[in-house]
Amino acid sequence: MVRTQVQLTEEQVTALKKMASKKHVSIAELVRQGVDSVIKSDIETSDEERRQRALSVAGKFKSGVKDLSTNHDKYLAESYGS
């Protein structure tokens, strides 16, 4: 492992201490887990994977509204209170 130094706010340190104690791990382990999470979330998915994910949910939900495809802008505006 590589030793590094980071600066955290008092609130972050307090929250990390509580979490570490509750989970019976070190603060360093929580920081490593956080870094892993950021790295995983930043990995770009391929266009094909995004396409497959979108297709996998297409048609799985029903709104009960028969004219949704025609009036989607109207329903969207209503949902935002416009």
PDB file of N, CA and C in Angstrom:
ATOM      1  N   MET A   1       0.846  -1.181   0.000  1.00  0.00           N
ATOM      2  CA  MET A   1       0.000   0.000   0.000  1.00  0.00           C
ATOM      3  C   MET A   1       0.887   1.238   0.000  1.00  0.00           C
ATOM      4  N   VAL A   2       0.300   2.311  -0.506  1.00  0.00           N
ATOM      5  CA  VAL A   2       0.999   3.586  -0.568  1.00  0.00           C
ATOM      6  C   VAL A   2       0.412   4.498   0.489  1.00  0.00           C
ATOM      7  N   ARG A   3       1.264   5.095   1.271  1.00  0.00           N
ATOM      8  CA  ARG A   3       0.810   6.033   2.295  1.00  0.00           C
ATOM      9  C   ARG A   3       0.554   7.375   1.633  1.00  0.00           C
ATOM     10  N   THR A   4      -0.563   7.986   1.985  1.00  0.00           N
ATOM     11  CA  THR A   4      -0.896   9.304   1.447  1.00  0.00           C
ATOM     12  C   THR A   4      -1.548  10.132   2.541  1.00  0.00           C
ATOM     13  N   GLN A   5      -1.603  11.424   2.318  1.00  0.00           N
ATOM     14  CA  GLN A   5      -2.183  12.323   3.313  1.00  0.00           C
ATOM     15  C   GLN A   5      -3.335  13.082   2.674  1.00  0.00           C
ATOM     16  N   VAL A   6      -4.456  13.138   3.375  1.00  0.00           N
ATOM     17  CA  VAL A   6      -5.617  13.901   2.904  1.00  0.00           C
ATOM     18  C   VAL A   6      -6.091  14.788   4.040  1.00  0.00           C
ATOM     19  N   GLN A   7      -6.767  15.853   3.673  1.00  0.00           N
ATOM     20  CA  GLN A   7      -7.333  16.740   4.682  1.00  0.00           C
ATOM     21  C   GLN A   7      -8.846  16.603   4.644  1.00  0.00           C
ATOM     22  N   LEU A   8      -9.435  16.405   5.804  1.00  0.00           N
ATOM     23  CA  LEU A   8     -10.871  16.233   5.937  1.00  0.00           C
ATOM     24  C   LEU A   8     -11.423  17.299   6.862  1.00  0.00           C
ATOM     25  N   THR A   9     -12.696  17.586   6.723  1.00  0.00           N
ATOM     26  CA  THR A   9     -13.339  18.524   7.643  1.00  0.00           C
ATOM     27  C   THR A   9     -13.567  17.825   8.984  1.00  0.00           C
ATOM     28  N   GLU A  10     -13.815  18.604  10.006  1.00  0.00           N
ATOM     29  CA  GLU A  10     -14.112  18.047  11.329  1.00  0.00           C
ATOM     30  C   GLU A  10     -15.340  17.147  11.259  1.00  0.00           C
ATOM     31  N   GLU A  11     -16.344  17.576  10.484  1.00  0.00           N
ATOM     32  CA  GLU A  11     -17.575  16.801  10.354  1.00  0.00           C
ATOM     33  C   GLU A  11     -17.300  15.460   9.690  1.00  0.00           C
ATOM     34  N   GLN A  12     -16.446  15.454   8.665  1.00  0.00           N
ATOM     35  CA  GLN A  12     -16.110  14.207   7.978  1.00  0.00           C
ATOM     36  C   GLN A  12     -15.398  13.246   8.921  1.00  0.00           C
ATOM     37  N   VAL A  13     -14.456  13.768   9.693  1.00  0.00           N
ATOM     38  CA  VAL A  13     -13.702  12.921  10.622  1.00  0.00           C
ATOM     39  C   VAL A  13     -14.629  12.349  11.686  1.00  0.00           C
ATOM     40  N   THR A  14     -15.510  13.173  12.207  1.00  0.00           N
ATOM     41  CA  THR A  14     -16.459  12.709  13.222  1.00  0.00           C
ATOM     42  C   THR A  14     -17.341  11.597  12.671  1.00  0.00           C
ATOM     43  N   ALA A  15     -17.878  11.816  11.463  1.00  0.00           N
ATOM     44  CA  ALA A  15     -18.740  10.805  10.848  1.00  0.00           C
ATOM     45  C   ALA A  15     -17.962   9.524  10.565  1.00  0.00           C
ATOM     46  N   LEU A  16     -16.726   9.652  10.071  1.00  0.00           N
ATOM     47  CA  LEU A  16     -15.910   8.475   9.788  1.00  0.00           C
ATOM     48  C   LEU A  16     -15.584   7.695  11.055  1.00  0.00           C
ATOM     49  N   LYS A  17     -15.283   8.392  12.134  1.00  0.00           N
ATOM     50  CA  LYS A  17     -14.991   7.707  13.399  1.00  0.00           C
ATOM     51  C   LYS A  17     -16.189   6.891  13.866  1.00  0.00           C
ATOM     52  N   LYS A  18     -17.368   7.485  13.769  1.00  0.00           N
ATOM     53  CA  LYS A  18     -18.581   6.767  14.173  1.00  0.00           C
ATOM     54  C   LYS A  18     -18.814   5.540  13.292  1.00  0.00           C
ATOM     55  N   MET A  19     -18.661   5.721  11.978  1.00  0.00           N
ATOM     56  CA  MET A  19     -18.864   4.605  11.050  1.00  0.00           C
ATOM     57  C   MET A  19     -17.842   3.501  11.288  1.00  0.00           C
ATOM     58  N   ALA A  20     -16.598   3.897  11.475  1.00  0.00           N
ATOM     59  CA  ALA A  20     -15.528   2.918  11.680  1.00  0.00           C
ATOM     60  C   ALA A  20     -15.786   2.105  12.940  1.00  0.00           C
ATOM     61  N   SER A  21     -16.202   2.792  13.996  1.00  0.00           N
ATOM     62  CA  SER A  21     -16.485   2.105  15.247  1.00  0.00           C
ATOM     63  C   SER A  21     -17.662   1.139  15.085  1.00  0.00           C
ATOM     64  N   LYS A  22     -18.698   1.608  14.428  1.00  0.00           N
ATOM     65  CA  LYS A  22     -19.895   0.790  14.228  1.00  0.00           C
ATOM     66  C   LYS A  22     -19.603  -0.447  13.381  1.00  0.00           C
ATOM     67  N   LYS A  23     -18.755  -0.280  12.351  1.00  0.00           N
ATOM     68  CA  LYS A  23     -18.457  -1.379  11.435  1.00  0.00           C
ATOM     69  C   LYS A  23     -17.227  -2.187  11.840  1.00  0.00           C
ATOM     70  N   HIS A  24     -16.566  -1.760  12.908  1.00  0.00           N
ATOM     71  CA  HIS A  24     -15.373  -2.445  13.407  1.00  0.00           C
ATOM     72  C   HIS A  24     -14.262  -2.504  12.360  1.00  0.00           C
ATOM     73  N   VAL A  25     -14.072  -1.377  11.674  1.00  0.00           N
ATOM     74  CA  VAL A  25     -12.978  -1.240  10.717  1.00  0.00           C
ATOM     75  C   VAL A  25     -12.263   0.080  10.986  1.00  0.00           C
ATOM     76  N   SER A  26     -11.115   0.255  10.344  1.00  0.00           N
ATOM     77  CA  SER A  26     -10.370   1.502  10.524  1.00  0.00           C
ATOM     78  C   SER A  26     -10.927   2.597   9.614  1.00  0.00           C
ATOM     79  N   ILE A  27     -10.606   3.831   9.955  1.00  0.00           N
ATOM     80  CA  ILE A  27     -10.967   4.949   9.094  1.00  0.00           C
ATOM     81  C   ILE A  27     -10.288   4.783   7.740  1.00  0.00           C
ATOM     82  N   ALA A  28      -9.050   4.312   7.744  1.00  0.00           N
ATOM     83  CA  ALA A  28      -8.328   4.094   6.494  1.00  0.00           C
ATOM     84  C   ALA A  28      -9.075   3.117   5.591  1.00  0.00           C
ATOM     85  N   GLU A  29      -9.648   2.086   6.170  1.00  0.00           N
ATOM     86  CA  GLU A  29     -10.410   1.117   5.370  1.00  0.00           C
ATOM     87  C   GLU A  29     -11.646   1.773   4.768  1.00  0.00           C
ATOM     88  N   LEU A  30     -12.327   2.614   5.532  1.00  0.00           N
ATOM     89  CA  LEU A  30     -13.491   3.322   4.995  1.00  0.00           C
ATOM     90  C   LEU A  30     -13.081   4.246   3.846  1.00  0.00           C
ATOM     91  N   VAL A  31     -11.950   4.910   3.999  1.00  0.00           N
ATOM     92  CA  VAL A  31     -11.459   5.794   2.935  1.00  0.00           C
ATOM     93  C   VAL A  31     -11.139   4.974   1.688  1.00  0.00           C
ATOM     94  N   ARG A  32     -10.480   3.821   1.857  1.00  0.00           N
ATOM     95  CA  ARG A  32     -10.181   2.958   0.708  1.00  0.00           C
ATOM     96  C   ARG A  32     -11.466   2.498   0.017  1.00  0.00           C
ATOM     97  N   GLN A  33     -12.482   2.131   0.814  1.00  0.00           N
ATOM     98  CA  GLN A  33     -13.758   1.720   0.237  1.00  0.00           C
ATOM     99  C   GLN A  33     -14.398   2.875  -0.532  1.00  0.00           C
ATOM    100  N   GLY A  34     -14.297   4.078   0.019  1.00  0.00           N
ATOM    101  CA  GLY A  34     -14.841   5.255  -0.659  1.00  0.00           C
ATOM    102  C   GLY A  34     -14.133   5.525  -1.974  1.00  0.00           C
ATOM    103  N   VAL A  35     -12.814   5.398  -1.980  1.00  0.00           N
ATOM    104  CA  VAL A  35     -12.040   5.594  -3.204  1.00  0.00           C
ATOM    105  C   VAL A  35     -12.434   4.538  -4.238  1.00  0.00           C
ATOM    106  N   ASP A  36     -12.571   3.287  -3.801  1.00  0.00           N
ATOM    107  CA  ASP A  36     -13.005   2.229  -4.721  1.00  0.00           C
ATOM    108  C   ASP A  36     -14.363   2.549  -5.333  1.00  0.00           C
ATOM    109  N   SER A  37     -15.258   3.064  -4.518  1.00  0.00           N
ATOM    110  CA  SER A  37     -16.598   3.404  -4.993  1.00  0.00           C
ATOM    111  C   SER A  37     -16.543   4.512  -6.044  1.00  0.00           C
ATOM    112  N   VAL A  38     -15.732   5.524  -5.809  1.00  0.00           N
ATOM    113  CA  VAL A  38     -15.590   6.617  -6.770  1.00  0.00           C
ATOM    114  C   VAL A  38     -14.996   6.105  -8.069  1.00  0.00           C
ATOM    115  N   ILE A  39     -13.993   5.254  -7.975  1.00  0.00           N
ATOM    116  CA  ILE A  39     -13.359   4.695  -9.178  1.00  0.00           C
ATOM    117  C   ILE A  39     -14.356   3.879  -9.975  1.00  0.00           C
ATOM    118  N   LYS A  40     -15.126   3.029  -9.307  1.00  0.00           N
ATOM    119  CA  LYS A  40     -16.107   2.190 -10.004  1.00  0.00           C
ATOM    120  C   LYS A  40     -17.187   3.031 -10.668  1.00  0.00           C
ATOM    121  N   SER A  41     -17.618   4.091 -10.007  1.00  0.00           N
ATOM    122  CA  SER A  41     -18.693   4.917 -10.569  1.00  0.00           C
ATOM    123  C   SER A  41     -18.207   5.751 -11.742  1.00  0.00           C
ATOM    124  N   ASP A  42     -16.905   5.945 -11.858  1.00  0.00           N
ATOM    125  CA  ASP A  42     -16.359   6.782 -12.917  1.00  0.00           C
ATOM    126  C   ASP A  42     -16.027   5.994 -14.186  1.00  0.00           C
ATOM    127  N   ILE A  43     -16.036   4.680 -14.073  1.00  0.00           N
ATOM    128  CA  ILE A  43     -15.715   3.861 -15.243  1.00  0.00           C
ATOM    129  C   ILE A  43     -16.849   3.997 -16.252  1.00  0.00           C
ATOM    130  N   GLU A  44     -16.499   4.434 -17.442  1.00  0.00           N
ATOM    131  CA  GLU A  44     -17.524   4.623 -18.466  1.00  0.00           C
ATOM    132  C   GLU A  44     -17.973   3.286 -19.029  1.00  0.00           C
ATOM    133  N   THR A  45     -19.256   3.196 -19.216  1.00  0.00           N
ATOM    134  CA  THR A  45     -19.795   1.994 -19.844  1.00  0.00           C
ATOM    135  C   THR A  45     -19.785   2.190 -21.355  1.00  0.00           C
ATOM    136  N   SER A  46     -19.666   1.121 -22.063  1.00  0.00           N
ATOM    137  CA  SER A  46     -19.633   1.200 -23.518  1.00  0.00           C
ATOM    138  C   SER A  46     -21.014   1.567 -24.052  1.00  0.00           C
ATOM    139  N   ASP A  47     -21.047   2.073 -25.278  1.00  0.00           N
ATOM    140  CA  ASP A  47     -22.327   2.406 -25.900  1.00  0.00           C
ATOM    141  C   ASP A  47     -23.219   1.173 -25.989  1.00  0.00           C
ATOM    142  N   GLU A  48     -22.617   0.040 -26.309  1.00  0.00           N
ATOM    143  CA  GLU A  48     -23.396  -1.194 -26.433  1.00  0.00           C
ATOM    144  C   GLU A  48     -23.999  -1.598 -25.088  1.00  0.00           C
ATOM    145  N   GLU A  49     -23.231  -1.469 -24.021  1.00  0.00           N
ATOM    146  CA  GLU A  49     -23.758  -1.818 -22.698  1.00  0.00           C
ATOM    147  C   GLU A  49     -24.904  -0.888 -22.312  1.00  0.00           C
ATOM    148  N   ARG A  50     -24.762   0.406 -22.573  1.00  0.00           N
ATOM    149  CA  ARG A  50     -25.839   1.346 -22.286  1.00  0.00           C
ATOM    150  C   ARG A  50     -27.085   1.019 -23.096  1.00  0.00           C
ATOM    151  N   ARG A  51     -26.890   0.670 -24.353  1.00  0.00           N
ATOM    152  CA  ARG A  51     -28.007   0.306 -25.212  1.00  0.00           C
ATOM    153  C   ARG A  51     -28.715  -0.932 -24.664  1.00  0.00           C
ATOM    154  N   GLN A  52     -27.951  -1.930 -24.264  1.00  0.00           N
ATOM    155  CA  GLN A  52     -28.533  -3.159 -23.718  1.00  0.00           C
ATOM    156  C   GLN A  52     -29.275  -2.892 -22.412  1.00  0.00           C
ATOM    157  N   ARG A  53     -28.721  -2.033 -21.577  1.00  0.00           N
ATOM    158  CA  ARG A  53     -29.389  -1.705 -20.314  1.00  0.00           C
ATOM    159  C   ARG A  53     -30.703  -0.996 -20.571  1.00  0.00           C
ATOM    160  N   ALA A  54     -30.725  -0.072 -21.535  1.00  0.00           N
ATOM    161  CA  ALA A  54     -31.959   0.642 -21.870  1.00  0.00           C
ATOM    162  C   ALA A  54     -32.994  -0.317 -22.439  1.00  0.00           C
ATOM    163  N   LEU A  55     -32.560  -1.184 -23.326  1.00  0.00           N
ATOM    164  CA  LEU A  55     -33.492  -2.140 -23.928  1.00  0.00           C
ATOM    165  C   LEU A  55     -34.042  -3.126 -22.907  1.00  0.00           C
ATOM    166  N   SER A  56     -33.255  -3.432 -21.890  1.00  0.00           N
ATOM    167  CA  SER A  56     -33.706  -4.408 -20.897  1.00  0.00           C
ATOM    168  C   SER A  56     -34.882  -3.905 -20.060  1.00  0.00           C
ATOM    169  N   VAL A  57     -35.052  -2.587 -19.962  1.00  0.00           N
ATOM    170  CA  VAL A  57     -36.170  -2.054 -19.179  1.00  0.00           C
ATOM    171  C   VAL A  57     -37.313  -1.544 -20.043  1.00  0.00           C
ATOM    172  N   ALA A  58     -37.072  -1.447 -21.335  1.00  0.00           N
ATOM    173  CA  ALA A  58     -38.116  -0.938 -22.241  1.00  0.00           C
ATOM    174  C   ALA A  58     -39.353  -1.826 -22.177  1.00  0.00           C
ATOM    175  N   GLY A  59     -40.499  -1.202 -21.972  1.00  0.00           N
ATOM    176  CA  GLY A  59     -41.755  -1.922 -21.964  1.00  0.00           C
ATOM    177  C   GLY A  59     -42.088  -2.626 -20.658  1.00  0.00           C
ATOM    178  N   LYS A  60     -41.276  -2.460 -19.626  1.00  0.00           N
ATOM    179  CA  LYS A  60     -41.530  -3.161 -18.362  1.00  0.00           C
ATOM    180  C   LYS A  60     -42.444  -2.394 -17.422  1.00  0.00           C
ATOM    181  N   PHE A  61     -42.751  -1.152 -17.747  1.00  0.00           N
ATOM    182  CA  PHE A  61     -43.552  -0.336 -16.848  1.00  0.00           C
ATOM    183  C   PHE A  61     -44.785   0.164 -17.588  1.00  0.00           C
ATOM    184  N   LYS A  62     -45.885   0.286 -16.875  1.00  0.00           N
ATOM    185  CA  LYS A  62     -47.122   0.777 -17.469  1.00  0.00           C
ATOM    186  C   LYS A  62     -47.622   1.970 -16.675  1.00  0.00           C
ATOM    187  N   SER A  63     -47.972   3.021 -17.398  1.00  0.00           N
ATOM    188  CA  SER A  63     -48.466   4.228 -16.741  1.00  0.00           C
ATOM    189  C   SER A  63     -49.973   4.221 -16.599  1.00  0.00           C
ATOM    190  N   GLY A  64     -50.637   3.438 -17.429  1.00  0.00           N
ATOM    191  CA  GLY A  64     -52.092   3.456 -17.423  1.00  0.00           C
ATOM    192  C   GLY A  64     -52.663   4.605 -18.235  1.00  0.00           C
ATOM    193  N   VAL A  65     -51.783   5.427 -18.812  1.00  0.00           N
ATOM    194  CA  VAL A  65     -52.213   6.563 -19.627  1.00  0.00           C
ATOM    195  C   VAL A  65     -52.112   6.152 -21.089  1.00  0.00           C
ATOM    196  N   LYS A  66     -53.220   6.204 -21.788  1.00  0.00           N
ATOM    197  CA  LYS A  66     -53.251   5.694 -23.158  1.00  0.00           C
ATOM    198  C   LYS A  66     -52.605   6.628 -24.175  1.00  0.00           C
ATOM    199  N   ASP A  67     -52.516   7.941 -23.868  1.00  0.00           N
ATOM    200  CA  ASP A  67     -51.956   8.882 -24.844  1.00  0.00           C
ATOM    201  C   ASP A  67     -50.594   9.426 -24.404  1.00  0.00           C
ATOM    202  N   LEU A  68     -49.877   8.675 -23.598  1.00  0.00           N
ATOM    203  CA  LEU A  68     -48.605   9.153 -23.062  1.00  0.00           C
ATOM    204  C   LEU A  68     -47.587   9.455 -24.158  1.00  0.00           C
ATOM    205  N   SER A  69     -47.503   8.602 -25.170  1.00  0.00           N
ATOM    206  CA  SER A  69     -46.513   8.837 -26.218  1.00  0.00           C
ATOM    207  C   SER A  69     -46.833  10.094 -27.027  1.00  0.00           C
ATOM    208  N   THR A  70     -48.092  10.434 -27.125  1.00  0.00           N
ATOM    209  CA  THR A  70     -48.499  11.625 -27.877  1.00  0.00           C
ATOM    210  C   THR A  70     -48.353  12.896 -27.048  1.00  0.00           C
ATOM    211  N   ASN A  71     -48.726  12.820 -25.778  1.00  0.00           N
ATOM    212  CA  ASN A  71     -48.752  14.009 -24.919  1.00  0.00           C
ATOM    213  C   ASN A  71     -47.706  13.980 -23.800  1.00  0.00           C
ATOM    214  N   HIS A  72     -46.572  13.372 -24.063  1.00  0.00           N
ATOM    215  CA  HIS A  72     -45.566  13.221 -23.002  1.00  0.00           C
ATOM    216  C   HIS A  72     -45.089  14.560 -22.459  1.00  0.00           C
ATOM    217  N   ASP A  73     -44.960  15.585 -23.318  1.00  0.00           N
ATOM    218  CA  ASP A  73     -44.510  16.895 -22.834  1.00  0.00           C
ATOM    219  C   ASP A  73     -45.508  17.492 -21.846  1.00  0.00           C
ATOM    220  N   LYS A  74     -46.793  17.324 -22.148  1.00  0.00           N
ATOM    221  CA  LYS A  74     -47.844  17.835 -21.262  1.00  0.00           C
ATOM    222  C   LYS A  74     -47.772  17.153 -19.894  1.00  0.00           C
ATOM    223  N   TYR A  75     -47.635  15.818 -19.892  1.00  0.00           N
ATOM    224  CA  TYR A  75     -47.577  15.090 -18.631  1.00  0.00           C
ATOM    225  C   TYR A  75     -46.300  15.411 -17.854  1.00  0.00           C
ATOM    226  N   LEU A  76     -45.209  15.597 -18.559  1.00  0.00           N
ATOM    227  CA  LEU A  76     -43.953  15.956 -17.895  1.00  0.00           C
ATOM    228  C   LEU A  76     -44.079  17.321 -17.229  1.00  0.00           C
ATOM    229  N   ALA A  77     -44.648  18.279 -17.951  1.00  0.00           N
ATOM    230  CA  ALA A  77     -44.847  19.624 -17.387  1.00  0.00           C
ATOM    231  C   ALA A  77     -45.744  19.571 -16.158  1.00  0.00           C
ATOM    232  N   GLU A  78     -46.792  18.760 -16.221  1.00  0.00           N
ATOM    233  CA  GLU A  78     -47.688  18.611 -15.080  1.00  0.00           C
ATOM    234  C   GLU A  78     -46.959  18.023 -13.879  1.00  0.00           C
ATOM    235  N   SER A  79     -46.083  17.067 -14.126  1.00  0.00           N
ATOM    236  CA  SER A  79     -45.384  16.417 -13.015  1.00  0.00           C
ATOM    237  C   SER A  79     -44.412  17.386 -12.333  1.00  0.00           C
ATOM    238  N   TYR A  80     -43.910  18.373 -13.086  1.00  0.00           N
ATOM    239  CA  TYR A  80     -43.031  19.375 -12.497  1.00  0.00           C
ATOM    240  C   TYR A  80     -43.791  20.592 -12.005  1.00  0.00           C
ATOM    241  N   GLY A  81     -45.111  20.557 -12.113  1.00  0.00           N
ATOM    242  CA  GLY A  81     -45.951  21.636 -11.591  1.00  0.00           C
ATOM    243  C   GLY A  81     -45.955  22.868 -12.471  1.00  0.00           C
ATOM    244  N   SER A  82     -45.611  22.696 -13.746  1.00  0.00           N
ATOM    245  CA  SER A  82     -45.596  23.849 -14.664  1.00  0.00           C
ATOM    246  C   SER A  82     -46.922  24.002 -15.361  1.00  0.00           C
TER     247      SER A  82
END
